[in-house]
Amino acid sequence: MEKLRICFIGGKQAGFIGLLTLKSTKCKILSVVAYDDSVKILANKLKIPTFDSIKDSNFIKYLYKSDLLLSVHGREIVPIDILKIPKFGCINVHPCLYKYKGSNPIGRFIKDENNLASVGVHYMDERVDEGKVIYEKFIDIKDKNSIDEVYNQLYIHYSLAILESIDIIKSKANVKT
């Protein structure tokens, strides 16, 4: 196999960063589910087929050709039948995975006055944010009082976590680049 073939789902700034990060790799991006205009505009600029939902039958056709599904701020829970399609599975990037699974992790992180943030990447399974962790980077964040301030500290780590996770997956699968 020459390149890892990836389908992508994502939204907001983190999704935009995730898609740009994938573009910087030696992976082939087959298709994108864009959950907002910024990701859709970027995908269109990169000439990648774009869809509005993971349940779109045309997106699913691309999944059957894929090695991996990557989610960065996805808005849909991926059904189990879709999770089984990509050759090497489906992965999700999640902030503060070690402690704040599910929705609004940064809001709960701030409410708890926690300083130890993280960006984790895990395999997706039928239980939301409970799949096996591939990689998690911990970051000490102090004096950040808003969700935006915390995310601004984490965005660079999103890119690094995606790159590290892809390297780990490729290594385990003996994918040559």
C-alpha atoms as a PDB file:
ATOM      1  CA  MET A   1       0.000   0.000   0.000  1.00  0.00           C
ATOM      2  CA  GLU A   2       1.482   3.333  -1.010  1.00  0.00           C
ATOM      3  CA  LYS A   3      -0.608   5.754   1.023  1.00  0.00           C
ATOM      4  CA  LEU A   4      -3.024   5.458   3.895  1.00  0.00           C
ATOM      5  CA  ARG A   5      -6.485   6.286   2.503  1.00  0.00           C
ATOM      6  CA  ILE A   6      -8.499   8.357   4.947  1.00  0.00           C
ATOM      7  CA  CYS A   7     -12.062   9.625   5.142  1.00  0.00           C
ATOM      8  CA  PHE A   8     -12.496  12.631   7.417  1.00  0.00           C
ATOM      9  CA  ILE A   9     -15.352  14.069   9.456  1.00  0.00           C
ATOM     10  CA  GLY A  10     -15.030  17.340  11.311  1.00  0.00           C
ATOM     11  CA  GLY A  11     -16.101  20.828  12.122  1.00  0.00           C
ATOM     12  CA  LYS A  12     -15.127  24.115  13.700  1.00  0.00           C
ATOM     13  CA  GLN A  13     -11.540  25.304  14.043  1.00  0.00           C
ATOM     14  CA  ALA A  14     -10.349  21.926  15.312  1.00  0.00           C
ATOM     15  CA  GLY A  15     -11.822  20.193  12.258  1.00  0.00           C
ATOM     16  CA  PHE A  16     -10.177  22.758   9.973  1.00  0.00           C
ATOM     17  CA  ILE A  17      -6.827  22.142  11.690  1.00  0.00           C
ATOM     18  CA  GLY A  18      -7.358  18.383  11.488  1.00  0.00           C
ATOM     19  CA  LEU A  19      -8.020  18.518   7.750  1.00  0.00           C
ATOM     20  CA  LEU A  20      -4.975  20.737   7.154  1.00  0.00           C
ATOM     21  CA  THR A  21      -2.880  18.334   9.229  1.00  0.00           C
ATOM     22  CA  LEU A  22      -4.031  15.384   7.129  1.00  0.00           C
ATOM     23  CA  LYS A  23      -3.191  17.314   3.975  1.00  0.00           C
ATOM     24  CA  SER A  24       0.374  17.736   5.276  1.00  0.00           C
ATOM     25  CA  THR A  25       0.849  13.954   5.516  1.00  0.00           C
ATOM     26  CA  LYS A  26       1.577  11.339   2.916  1.00  0.00           C
ATOM     27  CA  CYS A  27      -2.003  10.118   3.311  1.00  0.00           C
ATOM     28  CA  LYS A  28      -4.697  10.319   0.655  1.00  0.00           C
ATOM     29  CA  ILE A  29      -7.884  12.067   1.786  1.00  0.00           C
ATOM     30  CA  LEU A  30     -10.761  10.357  -0.023  1.00  0.00           C
ATOM     31  CA  SER A  31     -13.731  12.361   1.235  1.00  0.00           C
ATOM     32  CA  VAL A  32     -14.896  14.760   3.928  1.00  0.00           C
ATOM     33  CA  VAL A  33     -18.049  15.194   5.982  1.00  0.00           C
ATOM     34  CA  ALA A  34     -17.962  18.907   6.784  1.00  0.00           C
ATOM     35  CA  TYR A  35     -19.972  20.070   9.762  1.00  0.00           C
ATOM     36  CA  ASP A  36     -19.466  23.762   9.080  1.00  0.00           C
ATOM     37  CA  ASP A  37     -18.642  26.147   6.257  1.00  0.00           C
ATOM     38  CA  SER A  38     -14.942  26.540   7.082  1.00  0.00           C
ATOM     39  CA  VAL A  39     -14.251  22.803   6.720  1.00  0.00           C
ATOM     40  CA  LYS A  40     -16.449  22.611   3.619  1.00  0.00           C
ATOM     41  CA  ILE A  41     -14.656  25.546   1.962  1.00  0.00           C
ATOM     42  CA  LEU A  42     -11.236  24.019   2.731  1.00  0.00           C
ATOM     43  CA  ALA A  43     -12.255  20.585   1.430  1.00  0.00           C
ATOM     44  CA  ASN A  44     -13.623  22.154  -1.755  1.00  0.00           C
ATOM     45  CA  LYS A  45     -10.418  24.178  -2.198  1.00  0.00           C
ATOM     46  CA  LEU A  46      -8.442  20.938  -1.824  1.00  0.00           C
ATOM     47  CA  LYS A  47     -10.776  19.300  -4.381  1.00  0.00           C
ATOM     48  CA  ILE A  48     -11.942  16.623  -1.943  1.00  0.00           C
ATOM     49  CA  PRO A  49     -15.520  15.308  -2.293  1.00  0.00           C
ATOM     50  CA  THR A  50     -17.615  16.770   0.524  1.00  0.00           C
ATOM     51  CA  PHE A  51     -20.774  15.550   2.223  1.00  0.00           C
ATOM     52  CA  ASP A  52     -23.085  16.730   5.017  1.00  0.00           C
ATOM     53  CA  SER A  53     -23.526  13.454   6.927  1.00  0.00           C
ATOM     54  CA  ILE A  54     -21.695  10.205   7.619  1.00  0.00           C
ATOM     55  CA  LYS A  55     -24.923   8.466   6.635  1.00  0.00           C
ATOM     56  CA  ASP A  56     -24.788   9.819   3.062  1.00  0.00           C
ATOM     57  CA  SER A  57     -24.630   6.762   0.790  1.00  0.00           C
ATOM     58  CA  ASN A  58     -21.973   8.406  -1.396  1.00  0.00           C
ATOM     59  CA  PHE A  59     -19.760   9.073   1.633  1.00  0.00           C
ATOM     60  CA  ILE A  60     -20.195   5.434   2.669  1.00  0.00           C
ATOM     61  CA  LYS A  61     -18.971   4.346  -0.784  1.00  0.00           C
ATOM     62  CA  TYR A  62     -15.714   6.196  -0.056  1.00  0.00           C
ATOM     63  CA  LEU A  63     -15.497   4.522   3.361  1.00  0.00           C
ATOM     64  CA  TYR A  64     -15.394   1.128   1.649  1.00  0.00           C
ATOM     65  CA  LYS A  65     -12.260   2.296  -0.181  1.00  0.00           C
ATOM     66  CA  SER A  66     -10.673   3.733   2.983  1.00  0.00           C
ATOM     67  CA  ASP A  67      -8.167   2.474   5.470  1.00  0.00           C
ATOM     68  CA  LEU A  68      -9.188   4.850   8.250  1.00  0.00           C
ATOM     69  CA  LEU A  69     -11.904   7.275   9.332  1.00  0.00           C
ATOM     70  CA  LEU A  70     -10.700  10.303  11.306  1.00  0.00           C
ATOM     71  CA  SER A  71     -13.118  12.441  13.326  1.00  0.00           C
ATOM     72  CA  VAL A  72     -12.151  15.868  14.668  1.00  0.00           C
ATOM     73  CA  HIS A  73     -15.103  17.625  16.311  1.00  0.00           C
ATOM     74  CA  GLY A  74     -17.655  15.458  14.587  1.00  0.00           C
ATOM     75  CA  ARG A  75     -21.317  16.105  15.258  1.00  0.00           C
ATOM     76  CA  GLU A  76     -22.706  12.649  14.646  1.00  0.00           C
ATOM     77  CA  ILE A  77     -22.302   9.456  16.599  1.00  0.00           C
ATOM     78  CA  VAL A  78     -20.907   6.984  14.109  1.00  0.00           C
ATOM     79  CA  PRO A  79     -23.149   3.895  13.938  1.00  0.00           C
ATOM     80  CA  ILE A  80     -21.532   0.528  14.623  1.00  0.00           C
ATOM     81  CA  ASP A  81     -22.104  -0.697  11.055  1.00  0.00           C
ATOM     82  CA  ILE A  82     -20.096   2.279   9.741  1.00  0.00           C
ATOM     83  CA  LEU A  83     -17.359   1.792  12.364  1.00  0.00           C
ATOM     84  CA  LYS A  84     -16.679  -1.646  10.871  1.00  0.00           C
ATOM     85  CA  ILE A  85     -16.044  -0.407   7.314  1.00  0.00           C
ATOM     86  CA  PRO A  86     -12.530   1.175   7.220  1.00  0.00           C
ATOM     87  CA  LYS A  87      -9.714  -1.374   7.091  1.00  0.00           C
ATOM     88  CA  PHE A  88      -7.852  -0.031  10.159  1.00  0.00           C
ATOM     89  CA  GLY A  89     -10.885   1.351  12.005  1.00  0.00           C
ATOM     90  CA  CYS A  90     -12.147   4.749  13.004  1.00  0.00           C
ATOM     91  CA  ILE A  91     -10.369   7.205  15.277  1.00  0.00           C
ATOM     92  CA  ASN A  92     -11.491  10.316  17.118  1.00  0.00           C
ATOM     93  CA  VAL A  93      -9.548  13.281  18.489  1.00  0.00           C
ATOM     94  CA  HIS A  94     -10.883  14.423  21.861  1.00  0.00           C
ATOM     95  CA  PRO A  95      -9.721  17.053  24.363  1.00  0.00           C
ATOM     96  CA  CYS A  96      -9.205  15.937  27.967  1.00  0.00           C
ATOM     97  CA  LEU A  97     -10.054  12.365  27.037  1.00  0.00           C
ATOM     98  CA  TYR A  98      -8.567  10.976  30.245  1.00  0.00           C
ATOM     99  CA  LYS A  99     -11.250  12.613  32.387  1.00  0.00           C
ATOM    100  CA  TYR A 100     -13.949  14.379  30.347  1.00  0.00           C
ATOM    101  CA  LYS A 101     -15.437  11.984  27.831  1.00  0.00           C
ATOM    102  CA  GLY A 102     -18.574  13.008  25.945  1.00  0.00           C
ATOM    103  CA  SER A 103     -19.822  16.467  25.127  1.00  0.00           C
ATOM    104  CA  ASN A 104     -18.501  19.805  26.422  1.00  0.00           C
ATOM    105  CA  PRO A 105     -15.235  18.431  27.848  1.00  0.00           C
ATOM    106  CA  ILE A 106     -13.549  21.842  28.059  1.00  0.00           C
ATOM    107  CA  GLY A 107     -16.532  23.416  29.800  1.00  0.00           C
ATOM    108  CA  ARG A 108     -16.361  20.696  32.457  1.00  0.00           C
ATOM    109  CA  PHE A 109     -12.538  21.044  32.605  1.00  0.00           C
ATOM    110  CA  ILE A 110     -12.892  24.772  33.393  1.00  0.00           C
ATOM    111  CA  LYS A 111     -15.725  24.225  35.886  1.00  0.00           C
ATOM    112  CA  ASP A 112     -13.521  21.771  37.800  1.00  0.00           C
ATOM    113  CA  GLU A 113     -10.687  24.353  37.810  1.00  0.00           C
ATOM    114  CA  ASN A 114      -8.451  21.662  36.368  1.00  0.00           C
ATOM    115  CA  ASN A 115      -5.015  22.593  34.976  1.00  0.00           C
ATOM    116  CA  LEU A 116      -4.134  19.280  33.322  1.00  0.00           C
ATOM    117  CA  ALA A 117      -5.551  19.296  29.819  1.00  0.00           C
ATOM    118  CA  SER A 118      -4.871  16.779  27.097  1.00  0.00           C
ATOM    119  CA  VAL A 119      -5.518  15.921  23.501  1.00  0.00           C
ATOM    120  CA  GLY A 120      -6.240  12.251  23.031  1.00  0.00           C
ATOM    121  CA  VAL A 121      -6.834  10.069  20.011  1.00  0.00           C
ATOM    122  CA  HIS A 122      -8.746   6.848  20.442  1.00  0.00           C
ATOM    123  CA  TYR A 123     -10.341   4.133  18.367  1.00  0.00           C
ATOM    124  CA  MET A 124     -14.072   4.615  18.084  1.00  0.00           C
ATOM    125  CA  ASP A 125     -16.375   1.824  19.180  1.00  0.00           C
ATOM    126  CA  GLU A 126     -20.035   1.497  20.136  1.00  0.00           C
ATOM    127  CA  ARG A 127     -19.407   3.353  23.415  1.00  0.00           C
ATOM    128  CA  VAL A 128     -18.838   7.080  22.873  1.00  0.00           C
ATOM    129  CA  ASP A 129     -15.249   8.115  23.720  1.00  0.00           C
ATOM    130  CA  GLU A 130     -14.499   4.760  25.378  1.00  0.00           C
ATOM    131  CA  GLY A 131     -12.396   3.063  22.683  1.00  0.00           C
ATOM    132  CA  LYS A 132      -8.750   2.121  23.118  1.00  0.00           C
ATOM    133  CA  VAL A 133      -6.496   5.177  23.406  1.00  0.00           C
ATOM    134  CA  ILE A 134      -3.815   5.388  20.716  1.00  0.00           C
ATOM    135  CA  TYR A 135      -2.081   8.540  21.928  1.00  0.00           C
ATOM    136  CA  GLU A 136      -2.683  11.240  24.540  1.00  0.00           C
ATOM    137  CA  LYS A 137      -0.582  14.335  25.094  1.00  0.00           C
ATOM    138  CA  PHE A 138      -0.926  16.151  28.424  1.00  0.00           C
ATOM    139  CA  ILE A 139      -0.551  19.922  28.711  1.00  0.00           C
ATOM    140  CA  ASP A 140      -0.437  22.050  31.864  1.00  0.00           C
ATOM    141  CA  ILE A 141      -2.820  24.942  31.292  1.00  0.00           C
ATOM    142  CA  LYS A 142      -3.069  27.696  33.879  1.00  0.00           C
ATOM    143  CA  ASP A 143      -4.966  30.981  33.960  1.00  0.00           C
ATOM    144  CA  LYS A 144      -7.320  30.057  31.135  1.00  0.00           C
ATOM    145  CA  ASN A 145     -10.870  31.032  31.994  1.00  0.00           C
ATOM    146  CA  SER A 146     -12.788  30.469  28.782  1.00  0.00           C
ATOM    147  CA  ILE A 147     -13.380  27.586  26.437  1.00  0.00           C
ATOM    148  CA  ASP A 148     -11.755  29.557  23.605  1.00  0.00           C
ATOM    149  CA  GLU A 149      -8.615  30.230  25.671  1.00  0.00           C
ATOM    150  CA  VAL A 150      -8.194  26.534  26.465  1.00  0.00           C
ATOM    151  CA  TYR A 151      -8.802  25.434  22.875  1.00  0.00           C
ATOM    152  CA  ASN A 152      -6.290  27.998  21.637  1.00  0.00           C
ATOM    153  CA  GLN A 153      -3.692  26.300  23.833  1.00  0.00           C
ATOM    154  CA  LEU A 154      -4.696  22.845  22.586  1.00  0.00           C
ATOM    155  CA  TYR A 155      -4.924  23.374  18.811  1.00  0.00           C
ATOM    156  CA  ILE A 156      -1.218  22.804  18.114  1.00  0.00           C
ATOM    157  CA  HIS A 157      -1.480  19.572  20.071  1.00  0.00           C
ATOM    158  CA  TYR A 158      -4.398  18.447  17.878  1.00  0.00           C
ATOM    159  CA  SER A 159      -2.067  18.436  14.871  1.00  0.00           C
ATOM    160  CA  LEU A 160       0.709  16.671  16.722  1.00  0.00           C
ATOM    161  CA  ALA A 161      -1.682  14.060  18.167  1.00  0.00           C
ATOM    162  CA  ILE A 162      -3.111  13.316  14.716  1.00  0.00           C
ATOM    163  CA  LEU A 163       0.361  12.956  13.183  1.00  0.00           C
ATOM    164  CA  GLU A 164       1.591  10.740  16.023  1.00  0.00           C
ATOM    165  CA  SER A 165      -1.519   8.550  15.903  1.00  0.00           C
ATOM    166  CA  ILE A 166      -1.295   8.073  12.152  1.00  0.00           C
ATOM    167  CA  ASP A 167       2.350   7.074  12.532  1.00  0.00           C
ATOM    168  CA  ILE A 168       1.411   4.529  15.212  1.00  0.00           C
ATOM    169  CA  ILE A 169      -1.381   3.074  13.078  1.00  0.00           C
ATOM    170  CA  LYS A 170       0.820   2.907   9.985  1.00  0.00           C
ATOM    171  CA  SER A 171       3.589   1.230  11.989  1.00  0.00           C
ATOM    172  CA  LYS A 172       1.265  -1.428  13.386  1.00  0.00           C
ATOM    173  CA  ALA A 173      -0.198  -2.065   9.934  1.00  0.00           C
ATOM    174  CA  ASN A 174       3.197  -2.086   8.182  1.00  0.00           C
ATOM    175  CA  VAL A 175       2.097   0.672   5.815  1.00  0.00           C
ATOM    176  CA  LYS A 176       5.003   2.028   3.765  1.00  0.00           C
ATOM    177  CA  THR A 177       5.282   5.721   2.955  1.00  0.00           C
END
